[in-house]
């Protein structure tokens, strides 16, 4: 699977599906392979394919907050904010310590212009995700820390 990902990234060709089919036929951990495949499809901007894979993964494990959070991120990228928020609420209910969910919630609130909730969720994310006490106190600090994520939502 990693070879297919590397070739897809290097050659800008889509060998990913071919390698995924090979690996999926022989892999013991099909859930992990599907998750890697979905994440790579997001990077390739093949959101419908990634959403289909995550839908299947959610059916297999409806208690995995990560899958709901990943779907929400896709919907944020697509500017489907209502759907993103529904998936984020579910992810949060499943695991309120899911750091990606907290980061995505902060991005959701940033997109909605609710900076107070954006900063609250960002600071919760930092409490879980860092050893040192990091706190963002302003929108400018937030933008600086999450500039790559914000750029991804703007593309």
N, C-alpha and C. Protein backbone atom coordinates (compact mmCIF):
# COMPACT_ATOMS: atom_id res chain seq x y z
N UNK A 1 0.83 -1.19 0.00
CA UNK A 1 0.00 0.00 0.00
C UNK A 1 0.87 1.25 0.00
N UNK A 2 1.92 1.21 0.83
CA UNK A 2 2.80 2.37 0.90
C UNK A 2 3.51 2.60 -0.44
N UNK A 3 3.80 1.53 -1.15
CA UNK A 3 4.42 1.68 -2.46
C UNK A 3 3.46 2.37 -3.42
N UNK A 4 2.21 1.99 -3.40
CA UNK A 4 1.21 2.64 -4.25
C UNK A 4 1.05 4.11 -3.91
N UNK A 5 1.08 4.43 -2.62
CA UNK A 5 0.99 5.83 -2.19
C UNK A 5 2.21 6.60 -2.69
N UNK A 6 3.39 6.03 -2.50
CA UNK A 6 4.62 6.71 -2.91
C UNK A 6 4.64 6.94 -4.42
N UNK A 7 4.26 5.94 -5.19
CA UNK A 7 4.25 6.09 -6.65
C UNK A 7 3.22 7.13 -7.08
N UNK A 8 2.06 7.11 -6.47
CA UNK A 8 1.02 8.09 -6.79
C UNK A 8 1.50 9.51 -6.51
N UNK A 9 2.18 9.68 -5.41
CA UNK A 9 2.68 11.02 -5.05
C UNK A 9 3.82 11.45 -5.96
N UNK A 10 4.73 10.54 -6.26
CA UNK A 10 5.92 10.87 -7.05
C UNK A 10 5.59 11.14 -8.51
N UNK A 11 4.81 10.29 -9.11
CA UNK A 11 4.56 10.38 -10.54
C UNK A 11 3.30 11.14 -10.90
N UNK A 12 2.59 11.61 -9.91
CA UNK A 12 1.30 12.28 -10.15
C UNK A 12 0.36 11.41 -10.97
N UNK A 13 0.53 10.13 -10.86
CA UNK A 13 -0.35 9.18 -11.52
C UNK A 13 -1.17 8.48 -10.45
N UNK A 14 -2.29 7.96 -10.85
CA UNK A 14 -3.13 7.32 -9.85
C UNK A 14 -2.94 5.81 -9.89
N UNK A 15 -1.87 5.38 -9.24
CA UNK A 15 -1.63 3.95 -9.05
C UNK A 15 -2.25 3.48 -7.75
N UNK A 16 -2.79 4.41 -7.02
CA UNK A 16 -3.31 4.11 -5.70
C UNK A 16 -4.39 3.03 -5.73
N UNK A 17 -5.34 3.17 -6.64
CA UNK A 17 -6.43 2.17 -6.72
C UNK A 17 -5.89 0.78 -7.02
N UNK A 18 -4.95 0.71 -7.92
CA UNK A 18 -4.37 -0.58 -8.31
C UNK A 18 -3.69 -1.24 -7.11
N UNK A 19 -2.87 -0.50 -6.40
CA UNK A 19 -2.18 -1.05 -5.24
C UNK A 19 -3.14 -1.36 -4.10
N UNK A 20 -4.14 -0.51 -3.93
CA UNK A 20 -5.13 -0.76 -2.89
C UNK A 20 -5.84 -2.10 -3.15
N UNK A 21 -6.24 -2.35 -4.37
CA UNK A 21 -6.92 -3.61 -4.70
C UNK A 21 -6.04 -4.82 -4.44
N UNK A 22 -4.76 -4.69 -4.75
CA UNK A 22 -3.82 -5.80 -4.50
C UNK A 22 -3.68 -6.05 -3.01
N UNK A 23 -3.42 -4.96 -2.28
CA UNK A 23 -3.20 -5.08 -0.83
C UNK A 23 -4.47 -5.53 -0.12
N UNK A 24 -5.59 -5.01 -0.53
CA UNK A 24 -6.85 -5.36 0.12
C UNK A 24 -7.17 -6.84 -0.04
N UNK A 25 -6.71 -7.43 -1.13
CA UNK A 25 -6.95 -8.86 -1.35
C UNK A 25 -6.13 -9.73 -0.41
N UNK A 26 -4.99 -9.21 0.06
CA UNK A 26 -4.11 -10.05 0.87
C UNK A 26 -3.92 -9.54 2.30
N UNK A 27 -4.32 -8.32 2.60
CA UNK A 27 -4.04 -7.73 3.90
C UNK A 27 -4.87 -8.37 5.01
N UNK A 28 -4.23 -8.55 6.15
CA UNK A 28 -4.95 -9.02 7.33
C UNK A 28 -5.78 -7.90 7.94
N UNK A 29 -5.22 -6.70 7.95
CA UNK A 29 -5.90 -5.57 8.56
C UNK A 29 -6.52 -4.69 7.48
N UNK A 30 -7.69 -5.11 7.00
CA UNK A 30 -8.36 -4.37 5.93
C UNK A 30 -8.85 -3.00 6.40
N UNK A 31 -9.15 -2.87 7.68
CA UNK A 31 -9.61 -1.59 8.22
C UNK A 31 -8.50 -0.55 8.10
N UNK A 32 -7.29 -0.92 8.49
CA UNK A 32 -6.16 -0.01 8.39
C UNK A 32 -5.91 0.37 6.93
N UNK A 33 -5.93 -0.61 6.05
CA UNK A 33 -5.69 -0.34 4.63
C UNK A 33 -6.76 0.60 4.06
N UNK A 34 -7.99 0.39 4.45
CA UNK A 34 -9.07 1.26 3.98
C UNK A 34 -8.89 2.68 4.51
N UNK A 35 -8.47 2.80 5.76
CA UNK A 35 -8.25 4.12 6.35
C UNK A 35 -7.12 4.85 5.62
N UNK A 36 -6.02 4.16 5.36
CA UNK A 36 -4.91 4.76 4.61
C UNK A 36 -5.36 5.17 3.21
N UNK A 37 -6.13 4.32 2.58
CA UNK A 37 -6.64 4.58 1.23
C UNK A 37 -7.54 5.82 1.23
N UNK A 38 -8.41 5.92 2.21
CA UNK A 38 -9.31 7.07 2.29
C UNK A 38 -8.51 8.35 2.52
N UNK A 39 -7.55 8.32 3.45
CA UNK A 39 -6.75 9.51 3.74
C UNK A 39 -5.97 9.96 2.50
N UNK A 40 -5.46 9.01 1.76
CA UNK A 40 -4.71 9.36 0.55
C UNK A 40 -5.63 9.94 -0.52
N UNK A 41 -6.85 9.43 -0.61
CA UNK A 41 -7.81 9.99 -1.56
C UNK A 41 -8.16 11.43 -1.20
N UNK A 42 -8.18 11.75 0.07
CA UNK A 42 -8.41 13.14 0.48
C UNK A 42 -7.26 14.00 -0.04
N UNK A 43 -6.04 13.53 0.13
CA UNK A 43 -4.88 14.30 -0.36
C UNK A 43 -4.94 14.49 -1.88
N UNK A 44 -5.49 13.50 -2.56
CA UNK A 44 -5.62 13.58 -4.02
C UNK A 44 -6.89 14.33 -4.44
N UNK A 45 -7.63 14.85 -3.46
CA UNK A 45 -8.87 15.60 -3.69
C UNK A 45 -9.96 14.74 -4.34
N UNK A 46 -9.91 13.45 -4.06
CA UNK A 46 -10.94 12.52 -4.52
C UNK A 46 -11.89 12.28 -3.34
N UNK A 47 -12.63 13.33 -3.03
CA UNK A 47 -13.44 13.33 -1.82
C UNK A 47 -14.57 12.32 -1.84
N UNK A 48 -15.22 12.15 -2.99
CA UNK A 48 -16.32 11.18 -3.06
C UNK A 48 -15.83 9.76 -2.77
N UNK A 49 -14.66 9.44 -3.29
CA UNK A 49 -14.09 8.12 -3.04
C UNK A 49 -13.75 7.95 -1.56
N UNK A 50 -13.16 8.98 -0.97
CA UNK A 50 -12.82 8.92 0.45
C UNK A 50 -14.07 8.81 1.31
N UNK A 51 -15.10 9.58 0.97
CA UNK A 51 -16.35 9.52 1.74
C UNK A 51 -16.99 8.14 1.66
N UNK A 52 -16.91 7.50 0.51
CA UNK A 52 -17.47 6.14 0.36
C UNK A 52 -16.71 5.16 1.25
N UNK A 53 -15.40 5.28 1.30
CA UNK A 53 -14.60 4.38 2.14
C UNK A 53 -14.91 4.63 3.62
N UNK A 54 -14.98 5.91 4.01
CA UNK A 54 -15.29 6.20 5.41
C UNK A 54 -16.70 5.75 5.78
N UNK A 55 -17.60 5.82 4.86
CA UNK A 55 -18.96 5.33 5.11
C UNK A 55 -18.93 3.84 5.43
N UNK A 56 -18.15 3.10 4.66
CA UNK A 56 -18.00 1.66 4.93
C UNK A 56 -17.32 1.41 6.28
N UNK A 57 -16.28 2.21 6.58
CA UNK A 57 -15.58 2.04 7.85
C UNK A 57 -16.49 2.35 9.04
N UNK A 58 -17.35 3.35 8.89
CA UNK A 58 -18.29 3.69 9.95
C UNK A 58 -19.29 2.57 10.16
N UNK A 59 -19.69 1.90 9.09
CA UNK A 59 -20.59 0.75 9.23
C UNK A 59 -19.91 -0.38 10.01
N UNK A 60 -18.61 -0.57 9.75
CA UNK A 60 -17.86 -1.62 10.42
C UNK A 60 -17.64 -1.27 11.89
N UNK A 61 -17.30 0.00 12.15
CA UNK A 61 -17.02 0.43 13.52
C UNK A 61 -17.68 1.79 13.78
N UNK A 62 -18.96 1.78 14.14
CA UNK A 62 -19.68 3.04 14.35
C UNK A 62 -19.28 3.77 15.63
N UNK A 63 -18.34 3.22 16.38
CA UNK A 63 -17.89 3.87 17.61
C UNK A 63 -16.51 4.51 17.47
N UNK A 64 -16.01 4.60 16.26
CA UNK A 64 -14.68 5.16 16.03
C UNK A 64 -14.82 6.65 15.70
N UNK A 65 -14.45 7.49 16.65
CA UNK A 65 -14.58 8.94 16.45
C UNK A 65 -13.70 9.44 15.31
N UNK A 66 -12.58 8.78 15.07
CA UNK A 66 -11.67 9.21 14.02
C UNK A 66 -12.34 9.25 12.66
N UNK A 67 -13.12 8.24 12.35
CA UNK A 67 -13.79 8.20 11.04
C UNK A 67 -14.77 9.35 10.89
N UNK A 68 -15.52 9.64 11.93
CA UNK A 68 -16.47 10.74 11.87
C UNK A 68 -15.74 12.07 11.72
N UNK A 69 -14.62 12.21 12.42
CA UNK A 69 -13.84 13.44 12.33
C UNK A 69 -13.24 13.61 10.94
N UNK A 70 -12.78 12.53 10.35
CA UNK A 70 -12.21 12.59 8.99
C UNK A 70 -13.28 12.98 7.96
N UNK A 71 -14.48 12.43 8.11
CA UNK A 71 -15.58 12.81 7.22
C UNK A 71 -15.90 14.29 7.39
N UNK A 72 -15.93 14.74 8.63
CA UNK A 72 -16.21 16.16 8.89
C UNK A 72 -15.17 17.05 8.21
N UNK A 73 -13.91 16.65 8.25
CA UNK A 73 -12.85 17.45 7.60
C UNK A 73 -13.11 17.56 6.10
N UNK A 74 -13.53 16.47 5.49
CA UNK A 74 -13.85 16.51 4.05
C UNK A 74 -14.99 17.49 3.81
N UNK A 75 -16.01 17.42 4.63
CA UNK A 75 -17.14 18.35 4.46
C UNK A 75 -16.73 19.79 4.72
N UNK A 76 -15.80 20.02 5.63
CA UNK A 76 -15.29 21.37 5.83
C UNK A 76 -14.58 21.86 4.56
N UNK A 77 -13.76 21.00 3.99
CA UNK A 77 -13.06 21.35 2.74
C UNK A 77 -14.06 21.68 1.64
N UNK A 78 -15.13 20.92 1.59
CA UNK A 78 -16.16 21.12 0.57
C UNK A 78 -17.14 22.25 0.93
N UNK A 79 -16.92 22.87 2.09
CA UNK A 79 -17.77 23.96 2.57
C UNK A 79 -19.22 23.51 2.82
N UNK A 80 -19.38 22.27 3.19
CA UNK A 80 -20.68 21.71 3.58
C UNK A 80 -20.71 21.71 5.11
N UNK A 81 -20.88 22.90 5.65
CA UNK A 81 -20.69 23.11 7.09
C UNK A 81 -21.71 22.39 7.95
N UNK A 82 -22.96 22.32 7.51
CA UNK A 82 -23.97 21.62 8.31
C UNK A 82 -23.62 20.15 8.46
N UNK A 83 -23.23 19.52 7.37
CA UNK A 83 -22.83 18.11 7.43
C UNK A 83 -21.58 17.94 8.29
N UNK A 84 -20.62 18.84 8.12
CA UNK A 84 -19.39 18.76 8.91
C UNK A 84 -19.72 18.80 10.40
N UNK A 85 -20.59 19.72 10.78
CA UNK A 85 -20.91 19.87 12.19
C UNK A 85 -21.62 18.63 12.75
N UNK A 86 -22.49 18.03 11.96
CA UNK A 86 -23.17 16.81 12.42
C UNK A 86 -22.16 15.69 12.70
N UNK A 87 -21.20 15.53 11.82
CA UNK A 87 -20.19 14.49 12.02
C UNK A 87 -19.26 14.84 13.19
N UNK A 88 -18.96 16.13 13.35
CA UNK A 88 -18.13 16.54 14.47
C UNK A 88 -18.83 16.31 15.80
N UNK A 89 -20.13 16.58 15.85
CA UNK A 89 -20.88 16.33 17.09
C UNK A 89 -20.83 14.85 17.45
N UNK A 90 -20.98 14.00 16.45
CA UNK A 90 -20.94 12.56 16.71
C UNK A 90 -19.55 12.15 17.17
N UNK A 91 -18.52 12.63 16.50
CA UNK A 91 -17.14 12.30 16.89
C UNK A 91 -16.88 12.74 18.32
N UNK A 92 -17.35 13.92 18.68
CA UNK A 92 -17.13 14.45 20.02
C UNK A 92 -17.87 13.61 21.07
N UNK A 93 -19.08 13.20 20.74
CA UNK A 93 -19.83 12.35 21.68
C UNK A 93 -19.13 11.00 21.90
N UNK A 94 -18.53 10.49 20.84
CA UNK A 94 -17.85 9.21 20.94
C UNK A 94 -16.54 9.31 21.74
N UNK A 95 -15.85 10.44 21.58
CA UNK A 95 -14.57 10.61 22.27
C UNK A 95 -14.24 12.09 22.37
N UNK A 96 -14.56 12.68 23.50
CA UNK A 96 -14.32 14.11 23.67
C UNK A 96 -12.85 14.45 23.77
N UNK A 97 -11.98 13.44 23.82
CA UNK A 97 -10.53 13.65 23.80
C UNK A 97 -9.91 13.40 22.43
N UNK A 98 -10.72 13.25 21.41
CA UNK A 98 -10.22 13.03 20.06
C UNK A 98 -9.61 14.35 19.57
N UNK A 99 -8.28 14.36 19.50
CA UNK A 99 -7.59 15.62 19.18
C UNK A 99 -7.93 16.14 17.78
N UNK A 100 -8.10 15.25 16.81
CA UNK A 100 -8.45 15.71 15.47
C UNK A 100 -9.86 16.29 15.45
N UNK A 101 -10.75 15.72 16.22
CA UNK A 101 -12.10 16.26 16.32
C UNK A 101 -12.06 17.67 16.90
N UNK A 102 -11.26 17.86 17.95
CA UNK A 102 -11.15 19.19 18.56
C UNK A 102 -10.55 20.19 17.58
N UNK A 103 -9.54 19.75 16.83
CA UNK A 103 -8.95 20.64 15.83
C UNK A 103 -9.97 20.97 14.75
N UNK A 104 -10.69 19.96 14.29
CA UNK A 104 -11.69 20.20 13.24
C UNK A 104 -12.86 21.05 13.76
N UNK A 105 -13.22 20.87 15.02
CA UNK A 105 -14.24 21.74 15.61
C UNK A 105 -13.77 23.19 15.62
N UNK A 106 -12.50 23.39 15.96
CA UNK A 106 -11.98 24.76 15.96
C UNK A 106 -12.01 25.34 14.54
N UNK A 107 -11.68 24.52 13.56
CA UNK A 107 -11.74 24.98 12.16
C UNK A 107 -13.18 25.28 11.74
N UNK A 108 -14.10 24.43 12.16
CA UNK A 108 -15.51 24.66 11.85
C UNK A 108 -15.96 26.02 12.40
N UNK A 109 -15.67 26.27 13.67
CA UNK A 109 -16.09 27.54 14.28
C UNK A 109 -15.35 28.73 13.66
N UNK A 110 -14.11 28.51 13.24
CA UNK A 110 -13.39 29.58 12.54
C UNK A 110 -14.12 29.92 11.24
N UNK A 111 -14.51 28.89 10.49
CA UNK A 111 -15.24 29.10 9.23
C UNK A 111 -16.58 29.79 9.46
N UNK A 112 -17.17 29.54 10.61
CA UNK A 112 -18.47 30.14 10.94
C UNK A 112 -18.32 31.54 11.53
N UNK A 113 -17.10 31.97 11.77
CA UNK A 113 -16.86 33.29 12.34
C UNK A 113 -17.06 33.35 13.85
N UNK A 114 -17.17 32.20 14.49
CA UNK A 114 -17.34 32.14 15.94
C UNK A 114 -15.96 31.94 16.58
N UNK A 115 -15.24 33.04 16.73
CA UNK A 115 -13.85 32.97 17.17
C UNK A 115 -13.74 32.48 18.61
N UNK A 116 -14.67 32.84 19.46
CA UNK A 116 -14.61 32.38 20.85
C UNK A 116 -14.63 30.86 20.94
N UNK A 117 -15.58 30.22 20.25
CA UNK A 117 -15.65 28.75 20.24
C UNK A 117 -14.45 28.16 19.49
N UNK A 118 -14.02 28.83 18.46
CA UNK A 118 -12.83 28.40 17.72
C UNK A 118 -11.63 28.30 18.66
N UNK A 119 -11.39 29.35 19.43
CA UNK A 119 -10.26 29.37 20.35
C UNK A 119 -10.43 28.37 21.48
N UNK A 120 -11.65 28.22 21.99
CA UNK A 120 -11.90 27.23 23.05
C UNK A 120 -11.53 25.83 22.60
N UNK A 121 -11.96 25.45 21.40
CA UNK A 121 -11.66 24.12 20.88
C UNK A 121 -10.18 23.98 20.54
N UNK A 122 -9.58 25.03 20.02
CA UNK A 122 -8.14 24.99 19.72
C UNK A 122 -7.35 24.78 21.00
N UNK A 123 -7.73 25.47 22.05
CA UNK A 123 -7.00 25.31 23.32
C UNK A 123 -7.22 23.94 23.94
N UNK A 124 -8.41 23.38 23.78
CA UNK A 124 -8.63 21.99 24.22
C UNK A 124 -7.75 21.04 23.43
N UNK A 125 -7.63 21.28 22.14
CA UNK A 125 -6.75 20.48 21.27
C UNK A 125 -5.31 20.54 21.78
N UNK A 126 -4.84 21.75 22.09
CA UNK A 126 -3.46 21.90 22.54
C UNK A 126 -3.23 21.24 23.90
N UNK A 127 -4.21 21.25 24.77
CA UNK A 127 -4.06 20.61 26.08
C UNK A 127 -3.84 19.12 25.93
N UNK A 128 -4.49 18.52 24.95
CA UNK A 128 -4.36 17.08 24.71
C UNK A 128 -3.12 16.76 23.89
N UNK A 129 -2.79 17.64 22.95
CA UNK A 129 -1.81 17.34 21.92
C UNK A 129 -0.38 17.80 22.24
N UNK A 130 -0.20 18.58 23.29
CA UNK A 130 1.14 19.08 23.57
C UNK A 130 1.53 18.82 25.01
N UNK A 131 2.82 18.77 25.23
CA UNK A 131 3.35 18.58 26.57
C UNK A 131 3.38 19.92 27.30
N UNK A 132 3.76 20.95 26.58
CA UNK A 132 3.83 22.27 27.19
C UNK A 132 2.46 22.94 27.14
N UNK A 133 2.27 23.91 27.98
CA UNK A 133 0.98 24.59 28.05
C UNK A 133 0.89 25.64 26.95
N UNK A 134 0.25 25.29 25.86
CA UNK A 134 0.06 26.20 24.74
C UNK A 134 -1.36 26.74 24.82
N UNK A 135 -1.48 28.03 24.59
CA UNK A 135 -2.81 28.63 24.56
C UNK A 135 -2.83 29.71 23.49
N UNK A 136 -3.87 29.70 22.68
CA UNK A 136 -4.05 30.76 21.69
C UNK A 136 -5.09 31.72 22.25
N UNK A 137 -4.76 33.00 22.21
CA UNK A 137 -5.63 33.99 22.84
C UNK A 137 -6.27 34.93 21.83
N UNK A 138 -5.86 34.83 20.58
CA UNK A 138 -6.42 35.75 19.59
C UNK A 138 -6.58 35.04 18.25
N UNK A 139 -7.37 35.64 17.41
CA UNK A 139 -7.58 35.09 16.07
C UNK A 139 -6.26 35.07 15.29
N UNK A 140 -5.44 36.09 15.46
CA UNK A 140 -4.16 36.12 14.75
C UNK A 140 -3.24 34.98 15.17
N UNK A 141 -3.19 34.69 16.48
CA UNK A 141 -2.41 33.55 16.96
C UNK A 141 -2.95 32.25 16.39
N UNK A 142 -4.27 32.14 16.36
CA UNK A 142 -4.91 30.94 15.82
C UNK A 142 -4.53 30.75 14.35
N UNK A 143 -4.66 31.81 13.58
CA UNK A 143 -4.35 31.74 12.15
C UNK A 143 -2.90 31.32 11.94
N UNK A 144 -1.99 31.84 12.76
CA UNK A 144 -0.58 31.49 12.63
C UNK A 144 -0.35 30.01 12.94
N UNK A 145 -0.97 29.49 13.98
CA UNK A 145 -0.77 28.09 14.37
C UNK A 145 -1.45 27.10 13.42
N UNK A 146 -2.56 27.51 12.81
CA UNK A 146 -3.33 26.59 11.98
C UNK A 146 -3.34 27.02 10.50
N UNK A 147 -2.32 27.76 10.10
CA UNK A 147 -2.33 28.31 8.74
C UNK A 147 -2.40 27.24 7.65
N UNK A 148 -1.75 26.11 7.85
CA UNK A 148 -1.81 25.04 6.84
C UNK A 148 -3.21 24.46 6.73
N UNK A 149 -3.86 24.26 7.88
CA UNK A 149 -5.22 23.73 7.87
C UNK A 149 -6.19 24.73 7.24
N UNK A 150 -6.03 25.99 7.58
CA UNK A 150 -6.89 27.03 7.02
C UNK A 150 -6.69 27.14 5.52
N UNK A 151 -5.44 27.06 5.08
CA UNK A 151 -5.14 27.09 3.63
C UNK A 151 -5.82 25.91 2.93
N UNK A 152 -5.78 24.74 3.54
CA UNK A 152 -6.42 23.56 2.95
C UNK A 152 -7.92 23.78 2.77
N UNK A 153 -8.54 24.46 3.71
CA UNK A 153 -9.98 24.74 3.61
C UNK A 153 -10.28 25.82 2.57
N UNK A 154 -9.29 26.61 2.24
CA UNK A 154 -9.49 27.70 1.30
C UNK A 154 -9.28 27.33 -0.14
N UNK A 155 -8.69 26.18 -0.40
CA UNK A 155 -8.37 25.78 -1.78
C UNK A 155 -9.59 25.46 -2.59
